[in-house]
């Protein structure tokens, strides 16, 4: 039995059991040259919009799917992107990964995701392994040195997420701004001795948070104790509870929400009232931060926007084009894990009493 597809005034017969639809079939049915069909899939911006729509509609009707391997040989592009993250088990990364994959798919690109487990040696190996298989790499929260990142950038186009390196394309979330807002919030509540529960060694984000928190506490004449470096996981937050209590601090800013949640639960297990005795702030605004009790005050990072922006930056890179750097805003989300400190103004104390009566 033969099926006949119509596209405009052109017809093409497809017999059951024959080979798959080819680019020639699409060209004949669309009334265009084979090269036009090829450009429609490999460089759509070079094709007249009306022609492009007709070719795509015909290809869809005929069930045509371009051979990616053959197209790569012709265009020199694989239409694959590598996305390397520090720890795929960390809830910070999945929204970014999902946003990047969805956005890339709309541009006819596939995303290969790899996890370094916070290891800079593994990270370097992964970049070098993927370099020949993809058109570019999104390097998210890298642990390699600046020199190593600059070296691999000569092997494959890169966009770095959450790391600022002069001359390299980057998308960063302004964690410094978020840390300043978090510390000011704690200072306004009357806390004068704070702890920063630091993140991993080699983390640009960790350095930015520490720098911003230190400058803000010094400007206010307050004290900041830094505990770390630490692995950015819940277990290290819990393990730090005793050290936090020994400092005598009444408020803690943690490197991320996982560490903050681990600390919060460990403090409660020791009978410490949060926020009555110790206030706790995280960073990232992961889904869990609104589920723990008390709900966690945190700094929200625009992870999904970062993923989409990084894909756009990578695909727009020219061979000799200027390196762009984009900074995304972060916002403090005030919930229930922060409360008045020893030097709280009367208005804050009255608000706490009112809230307790209402509860």
Protein backbone atom coordinates (compact mmCIF):
# COMPACT_ATOMS: atom_id res chain seq x y z
CA UNK A 1 0.00 0.00 0.00
CA UNK A 2 1.30 3.49 -0.79
CA UNK A 3 0.61 6.67 1.16
CA UNK A 4 0.62 10.01 -0.64
CA UNK A 5 1.58 13.18 1.19
CA UNK A 6 0.69 16.57 -0.28
CA UNK A 7 2.59 19.79 0.39
CA UNK A 8 1.42 22.69 -1.77
CA UNK A 9 1.43 21.51 -5.40
CA UNK A 10 4.06 18.83 -4.73
CA UNK A 11 3.40 15.17 -3.98
CA UNK A 12 5.57 12.43 -2.61
CA UNK A 13 4.69 8.76 -2.39
CA UNK A 14 5.95 6.76 0.57
CA UNK A 15 5.61 3.02 0.46
CA UNK A 16 5.26 0.88 3.54
CA UNK A 17 8.38 -1.05 4.34
CA UNK A 18 10.68 1.32 2.40
CA UNK A 19 13.65 3.21 3.85
CA UNK A 20 13.15 6.22 6.08
CA UNK A 21 12.24 9.60 4.67
CA UNK A 22 15.32 11.46 3.41
CA UNK A 23 16.27 15.09 3.02
CA UNK A 24 15.61 14.72 -0.74
CA UNK A 25 12.03 13.69 -0.02
CA UNK A 26 11.49 16.78 2.13
CA UNK A 27 13.06 19.05 -0.50
CA UNK A 28 10.88 17.60 -3.28
CA UNK A 29 7.70 17.85 -1.22
CA UNK A 30 8.51 21.40 -0.11
CA UNK A 31 9.47 22.59 -3.57
CA UNK A 32 12.92 23.77 -2.45
CA UNK A 33 16.52 22.74 -3.00
CA UNK A 34 18.16 20.16 -0.72
CA UNK A 35 20.54 22.85 0.56
CA UNK A 36 17.56 24.89 1.78
CA UNK A 37 16.28 21.94 3.83
CA UNK A 38 19.77 21.44 5.22
CA UNK A 39 20.04 25.11 6.24
CA UNK A 40 16.57 24.98 7.80
CA UNK A 41 17.86 22.46 10.33
CA UNK A 42 21.50 23.54 10.68
CA UNK A 43 21.23 27.35 10.39
CA UNK A 44 17.53 28.30 10.48
CA UNK A 45 18.29 32.02 10.86
CA UNK A 46 19.64 31.99 7.28
CA UNK A 47 16.33 30.78 5.80
CA UNK A 48 13.37 32.96 4.90
CA UNK A 49 10.78 32.55 7.71
CA UNK A 50 7.97 31.54 5.32
CA UNK A 51 10.18 28.96 3.59
CA UNK A 52 11.47 27.70 6.92
CA UNK A 53 7.95 27.18 8.22
CA UNK A 54 6.95 25.30 5.07
CA UNK A 55 9.99 23.03 5.23
CA UNK A 56 9.51 22.29 8.92
CA UNK A 57 5.80 21.55 8.41
CA UNK A 58 6.60 19.20 5.53
CA UNK A 59 9.30 17.45 7.53
CA UNK A 60 6.84 16.97 10.38
CA UNK A 61 4.16 15.58 8.03
CA UNK A 62 6.59 13.13 6.46
CA UNK A 63 8.14 12.10 9.77
CA UNK A 64 11.59 13.28 8.70
CA UNK A 65 14.28 13.46 11.37
CA UNK A 66 17.69 14.86 10.38
CA UNK A 67 20.66 12.56 10.87
CA UNK A 68 22.60 14.34 13.61
CA UNK A 69 25.83 12.47 12.90
CA UNK A 70 25.71 13.31 9.20
CA UNK A 71 24.83 16.90 9.95
CA UNK A 72 27.80 17.13 12.33
CA UNK A 73 30.13 15.99 9.55
CA UNK A 74 28.76 18.69 7.23
CA UNK A 75 28.47 21.59 9.67
CA UNK A 76 31.21 20.71 12.13
CA UNK A 77 28.66 21.03 14.96
CA UNK A 78 27.32 18.20 17.10
CA UNK A 79 24.32 20.11 18.51
CA UNK A 80 25.34 18.72 21.90
CA UNK A 81 26.19 20.74 25.02
CA UNK A 82 28.01 19.49 28.11
CA UNK A 83 26.78 20.63 31.54
CA UNK A 84 29.17 19.84 34.38
CA UNK A 85 27.97 20.39 37.96
CA UNK A 86 29.75 20.08 41.30
CA UNK A 87 27.22 17.72 42.93
CA UNK A 88 24.07 16.53 41.19
CA UNK A 89 22.65 15.32 44.53
CA UNK A 90 22.59 18.90 45.81
CA UNK A 91 19.02 20.29 45.36
CA UNK A 92 20.52 23.57 44.15
CA UNK A 93 21.45 22.05 40.77
CA UNK A 94 18.35 20.21 39.40
CA UNK A 95 16.32 23.39 38.64
CA UNK A 96 19.31 24.78 36.76
CA UNK A 97 19.83 21.52 34.87
CA UNK A 98 16.15 21.24 33.94
CA UNK A 99 15.97 24.85 32.74
CA UNK A 100 19.15 24.48 30.67
CA UNK A 101 17.95 21.20 29.09
CA UNK A 102 14.51 22.60 28.20
CA UNK A 103 15.96 25.80 26.77
CA UNK A 104 18.61 23.94 24.75
CA UNK A 105 16.05 21.49 23.37
CA UNK A 106 14.04 24.41 21.96
CA UNK A 107 17.20 25.37 20.09
CA UNK A 108 17.64 21.79 18.80
CA UNK A 109 20.48 21.00 21.19
CA UNK A 110 20.92 18.06 23.54
CA UNK A 111 22.52 18.43 26.98
CA UNK A 112 24.90 15.86 28.49
CA UNK A 113 25.08 16.23 32.29
CA UNK A 114 28.10 15.16 34.34
CA UNK A 115 28.82 15.31 38.08
CA UNK A 116 32.29 16.02 39.55
CA UNK A 117 31.47 15.18 43.18
CA UNK A 118 33.22 18.44 44.19
CA UNK A 119 36.54 17.06 42.88
CA UNK A 120 38.65 19.42 40.67
CA UNK A 121 40.64 16.49 39.22
CA UNK A 122 37.46 14.70 38.13
CA UNK A 123 36.19 18.02 36.78
CA UNK A 124 39.25 18.49 34.56
CA UNK A 125 39.01 14.91 33.28
CA UNK A 126 35.33 15.36 32.40
CA UNK A 127 35.91 18.60 30.50
CA UNK A 128 38.68 17.02 28.46
CA UNK A 129 36.59 13.90 27.78
CA UNK A 130 33.56 15.91 26.62
CA UNK A 131 35.49 18.52 24.62
CA UNK A 132 35.49 16.47 21.38
CA UNK A 133 31.88 15.38 21.72
CA UNK A 134 30.08 18.69 22.26
CA UNK A 135 29.92 22.19 20.80
CA UNK A 136 30.54 23.79 24.18
CA UNK A 137 30.42 23.25 27.93
CA UNK A 138 28.55 24.92 30.77
CA UNK A 139 30.80 24.68 33.81
CA UNK A 140 28.67 25.15 36.93
CA UNK A 141 30.27 26.01 40.30
CA UNK A 142 33.68 24.74 39.16
CA UNK A 143 36.34 23.70 41.64
CA UNK A 144 39.28 23.92 39.23
CA UNK A 145 41.74 26.79 39.49
CA UNK A 146 41.39 29.85 37.27
CA UNK A 147 44.47 28.75 35.31
CA UNK A 148 42.98 25.30 34.64
CA UNK A 149 39.68 26.81 33.47
CA UNK A 150 41.50 29.20 31.15
CA UNK A 151 43.48 26.25 29.79
CA UNK A 152 40.43 24.11 28.97
CA UNK A 153 38.69 27.11 27.45
CA UNK A 154 41.32 26.91 24.68
CA UNK A 155 40.10 23.37 23.93
CA UNK A 156 36.33 23.96 23.92
CA UNK A 157 33.96 26.96 24.16
CA UNK A 158 32.92 27.53 27.79
CA UNK A 159 30.44 29.47 29.84
CA UNK A 160 31.15 29.46 33.56
CA UNK A 161 28.24 29.58 36.01
CA UNK A 162 28.83 30.96 39.51
CA UNK A 163 32.46 31.87 38.97
CA UNK A 164 33.87 35.16 37.70
CA UNK A 165 37.12 34.94 35.73
CA UNK A 166 38.38 37.96 33.80
CA UNK A 167 37.86 37.53 30.07
CA UNK A 168 35.68 34.41 30.28
CA UNK A 169 31.93 34.28 29.57
CA UNK A 170 30.13 33.88 32.88
CA UNK A 171 26.73 33.88 34.51
CA UNK A 172 26.90 34.61 38.22
CA UNK A 173 24.27 34.89 40.90
CA UNK A 174 25.05 37.90 43.08
CA UNK A 175 25.59 35.98 46.31
CA UNK A 176 27.60 38.89 47.69
CA UNK A 177 24.49 41.06 47.59
CA UNK A 178 22.44 38.27 49.16
CA UNK A 179 24.99 37.76 51.95
CA UNK A 180 25.02 41.48 52.74
CA UNK A 181 21.23 41.51 52.93
CA UNK A 182 21.22 38.45 55.20
CA UNK A 183 23.82 39.93 57.57
CA UNK A 184 22.03 43.29 57.68
CA UNK A 185 18.81 41.45 58.54
CA UNK A 186 20.55 39.72 61.47
CA UNK A 187 22.18 42.97 62.62
CA UNK A 188 18.83 44.76 62.48
CA UNK A 189 17.41 42.02 64.70
CA UNK A 190 20.02 42.82 67.36
CA UNK A 191 22.66 40.15 66.74
CA UNK A 192 26.26 41.33 67.27
CA UNK A 193 28.20 38.07 67.09
CA UNK A 194 27.63 36.01 63.94
CA UNK A 195 29.08 32.81 62.54
CA UNK A 196 29.68 32.16 58.88
CA UNK A 197 29.53 28.40 58.29
CA UNK A 198 31.82 28.31 55.27
CA UNK A 199 31.59 26.19 52.15
CA UNK A 200 34.21 24.21 50.22
CA UNK A 201 37.76 25.30 49.58
CA UNK A 202 38.21 26.61 46.04
CA UNK A 203 34.62 27.83 45.74
CA UNK A 204 34.22 31.30 44.23
CA UNK A 205 30.77 31.54 45.83
CA UNK A 206 32.25 30.78 49.24
CA UNK A 207 34.82 33.55 48.85
CA UNK A 208 32.16 36.05 47.77
CA UNK A 209 29.88 35.25 50.70
CA UNK A 210 32.75 35.40 53.20
CA UNK A 211 34.01 38.73 51.80
CA UNK A 212 30.54 40.33 51.86
CA UNK A 213 29.63 39.01 55.31
CA UNK A 214 32.97 40.12 56.76
CA UNK A 215 32.76 43.63 55.32
CA UNK A 216 29.17 44.11 56.49
CA UNK A 217 29.83 42.97 60.08
CA UNK A 218 33.00 45.10 60.33
CA UNK A 219 31.14 48.16 59.10
CA UNK A 220 28.58 47.64 61.87
CA UNK A 221 31.19 47.06 64.57
CA UNK A 222 29.96 43.48 64.97
CA UNK A 223 31.93 40.22 65.14
CA UNK A 224 32.07 37.42 62.57
CA UNK A 225 33.54 33.98 63.31
CA UNK A 226 34.26 31.79 60.28
CA UNK A 227 33.99 28.01 60.68
CA UNK A 228 35.34 26.02 57.75
CA UNK A 229 35.97 25.20 54.99
CA UNK A 230 33.29 22.51 54.88
CA UNK A 231 31.71 20.20 52.34
CA UNK A 232 28.36 21.78 51.36
CA UNK A 233 26.14 18.97 52.64
CA UNK A 234 23.60 18.55 55.43
CA UNK A 235 25.89 16.31 57.48
CA UNK A 236 28.60 18.97 57.85
CA UNK A 237 26.02 21.49 58.98
CA UNK A 238 24.86 19.09 61.69
CA UNK A 239 28.44 18.29 62.72
CA UNK A 240 29.17 22.00 63.19
CA UNK A 241 26.48 22.51 65.86
CA UNK A 242 28.85 22.09 68.83
CA UNK A 243 31.44 24.40 67.31
CA UNK A 244 28.78 27.03 66.68
CA UNK A 245 27.58 26.89 70.29
CA UNK A 246 31.16 27.17 71.61
CA UNK A 247 31.62 30.49 69.82
CA UNK A 248 28.80 32.09 71.80
CA UNK A 249 27.36 33.56 68.59
CA UNK A 250 23.60 34.12 68.41
CA UNK A 251 23.20 33.96 64.62
CA UNK A 252 24.59 31.83 61.78
CA UNK A 253 24.82 32.40 58.04
CA UNK A 254 25.48 29.10 56.26
CA UNK A 255 27.09 28.65 52.83
CA UNK A 256 23.95 26.91 51.57
CA UNK A 257 20.54 25.68 52.66
CA UNK A 258 21.67 22.08 53.11
CA UNK A 259 24.23 23.07 55.73
CA UNK A 260 21.73 25.45 57.37
CA UNK A 261 19.08 22.70 57.59
CA UNK A 262 21.58 20.23 59.05
CA UNK A 263 22.65 22.80 61.64
CA UNK A 264 19.08 23.79 62.49
CA UNK A 265 18.05 20.20 63.15
CA UNK A 266 21.19 19.45 65.18
CA UNK A 267 20.63 22.52 67.36
CA UNK A 268 17.04 21.48 68.00
CA UNK A 269 18.20 17.98 68.91
CA UNK A 270 20.39 19.60 71.59
CA UNK A 271 17.47 21.53 72.99
CA UNK A 272 18.56 24.85 71.48
CA UNK A 273 15.63 27.06 70.50
CA UNK A 274 15.78 28.30 66.90
CA UNK A 275 15.35 31.25 66.57
CA UNK A 276 14.89 31.98 70.28
CA UNK A 277 18.56 31.30 71.14
CA UNK A 278 20.23 31.05 67.75
CA UNK A 279 19.03 32.42 64.41
CA UNK A 280 19.94 30.53 61.23
CA UNK A 281 20.07 31.76 57.60
CA UNK A 282 20.78 29.67 54.52
CA UNK A 283 21.50 30.46 50.87
CA UNK A 284 19.82 29.01 47.74
CA UNK A 285 16.11 28.77 48.68
CA UNK A 286 15.86 25.07 47.77
CA UNK A 287 12.44 23.42 48.07
CA UNK A 288 13.27 21.91 51.47
CA UNK A 289 13.91 25.33 53.02
CA UNK A 290 10.20 26.03 53.20
CA UNK A 291 9.34 22.59 54.58
CA UNK A 292 11.57 22.38 57.68
CA UNK A 293 10.39 23.75 61.00
CA UNK A 294 11.01 26.53 61.65
CA UNK A 295 10.91 27.47 57.98
CA UNK A 296 14.32 28.64 56.88
CA UNK A 297 15.20 32.26 56.19
CA UNK A 298 17.37 32.14 53.08
CA UNK A 299 18.77 33.95 50.06
CA UNK A 300 16.99 32.97 46.84
CA UNK A 301 19.25 32.28 43.86
CA UNK A 302 17.75 32.50 40.32
CA UNK A 303 19.07 29.07 39.28
CA UNK A 304 16.63 28.43 36.43
CA UNK A 305 17.34 31.84 34.91
CA UNK A 306 21.06 31.13 35.20
CA UNK A 307 20.66 27.88 33.27
CA UNK A 308 18.73 29.49 30.42
CA UNK A 309 21.06 32.50 30.26
CA UNK A 310 24.16 30.30 30.13
CA UNK A 311 22.74 28.28 27.21
CA UNK A 312 22.04 31.48 25.28
CA UNK A 313 25.53 32.82 25.98
CA UNK A 314 27.16 29.59 24.82
CA UNK A 315 25.19 29.38 21.58
CA UNK A 316 25.79 33.05 20.80
CA UNK A 317 29.54 32.85 21.23
CA UNK A 318 31.48 33.85 18.14
CA UNK A 319 34.94 32.56 17.37
CA UNK A 320 36.42 35.98 18.11
CA UNK A 321 33.48 37.59 19.88
CA UNK A 322 33.80 39.43 23.20
CA UNK A 323 33.30 37.45 26.38
CA UNK A 324 30.11 38.45 28.16
CA UNK A 325 29.46 38.35 31.88
CA UNK A 326 25.96 38.48 33.37
CA UNK A 327 25.14 39.04 37.03
CA UNK A 328 21.73 37.92 38.29
CA UNK A 329 20.02 39.41 41.32
CA UNK A 330 19.52 37.44 44.55
CA UNK A 331 16.83 38.17 47.15
CA UNK A 332 16.52 37.61 50.89
CA UNK A 333 13.49 35.51 51.86
CA UNK A 334 12.62 36.10 55.51
CA UNK A 335 10.87 33.17 57.21
CA UNK A 336 10.81 31.83 60.76
CA UNK A 337 14.38 30.73 61.53
CA UNK A 338 15.54 34.25 62.41
CA UNK A 339 14.45 36.26 65.44
CA UNK A 340 15.52 39.03 67.84
CA UNK A 341 19.05 38.90 69.23
CA UNK A 342 20.50 40.13 72.55
CA UNK A 343 20.59 43.75 71.34
CA UNK A 344 17.20 43.75 69.65
CA UNK A 345 15.42 47.10 69.44
CA UNK A 346 12.17 47.35 71.40
CA UNK A 347 10.08 47.25 68.22
CA UNK A 348 11.51 43.84 67.30
CA UNK A 349 10.87 42.45 70.77
CA UNK A 350 7.29 43.73 70.73
CA UNK A 351 6.75 42.13 67.33
CA UNK A 352 8.02 38.80 68.68
CA UNK A 353 5.66 38.97 71.65
CA UNK A 354 2.74 39.81 69.34
CA UNK A 355 3.58 36.90 67.08
CA UNK A 356 3.79 34.51 70.05
CA UNK A 357 0.40 35.67 71.36
CA UNK A 358 -1.13 35.27 67.90
CA UNK A 359 0.23 31.71 67.57
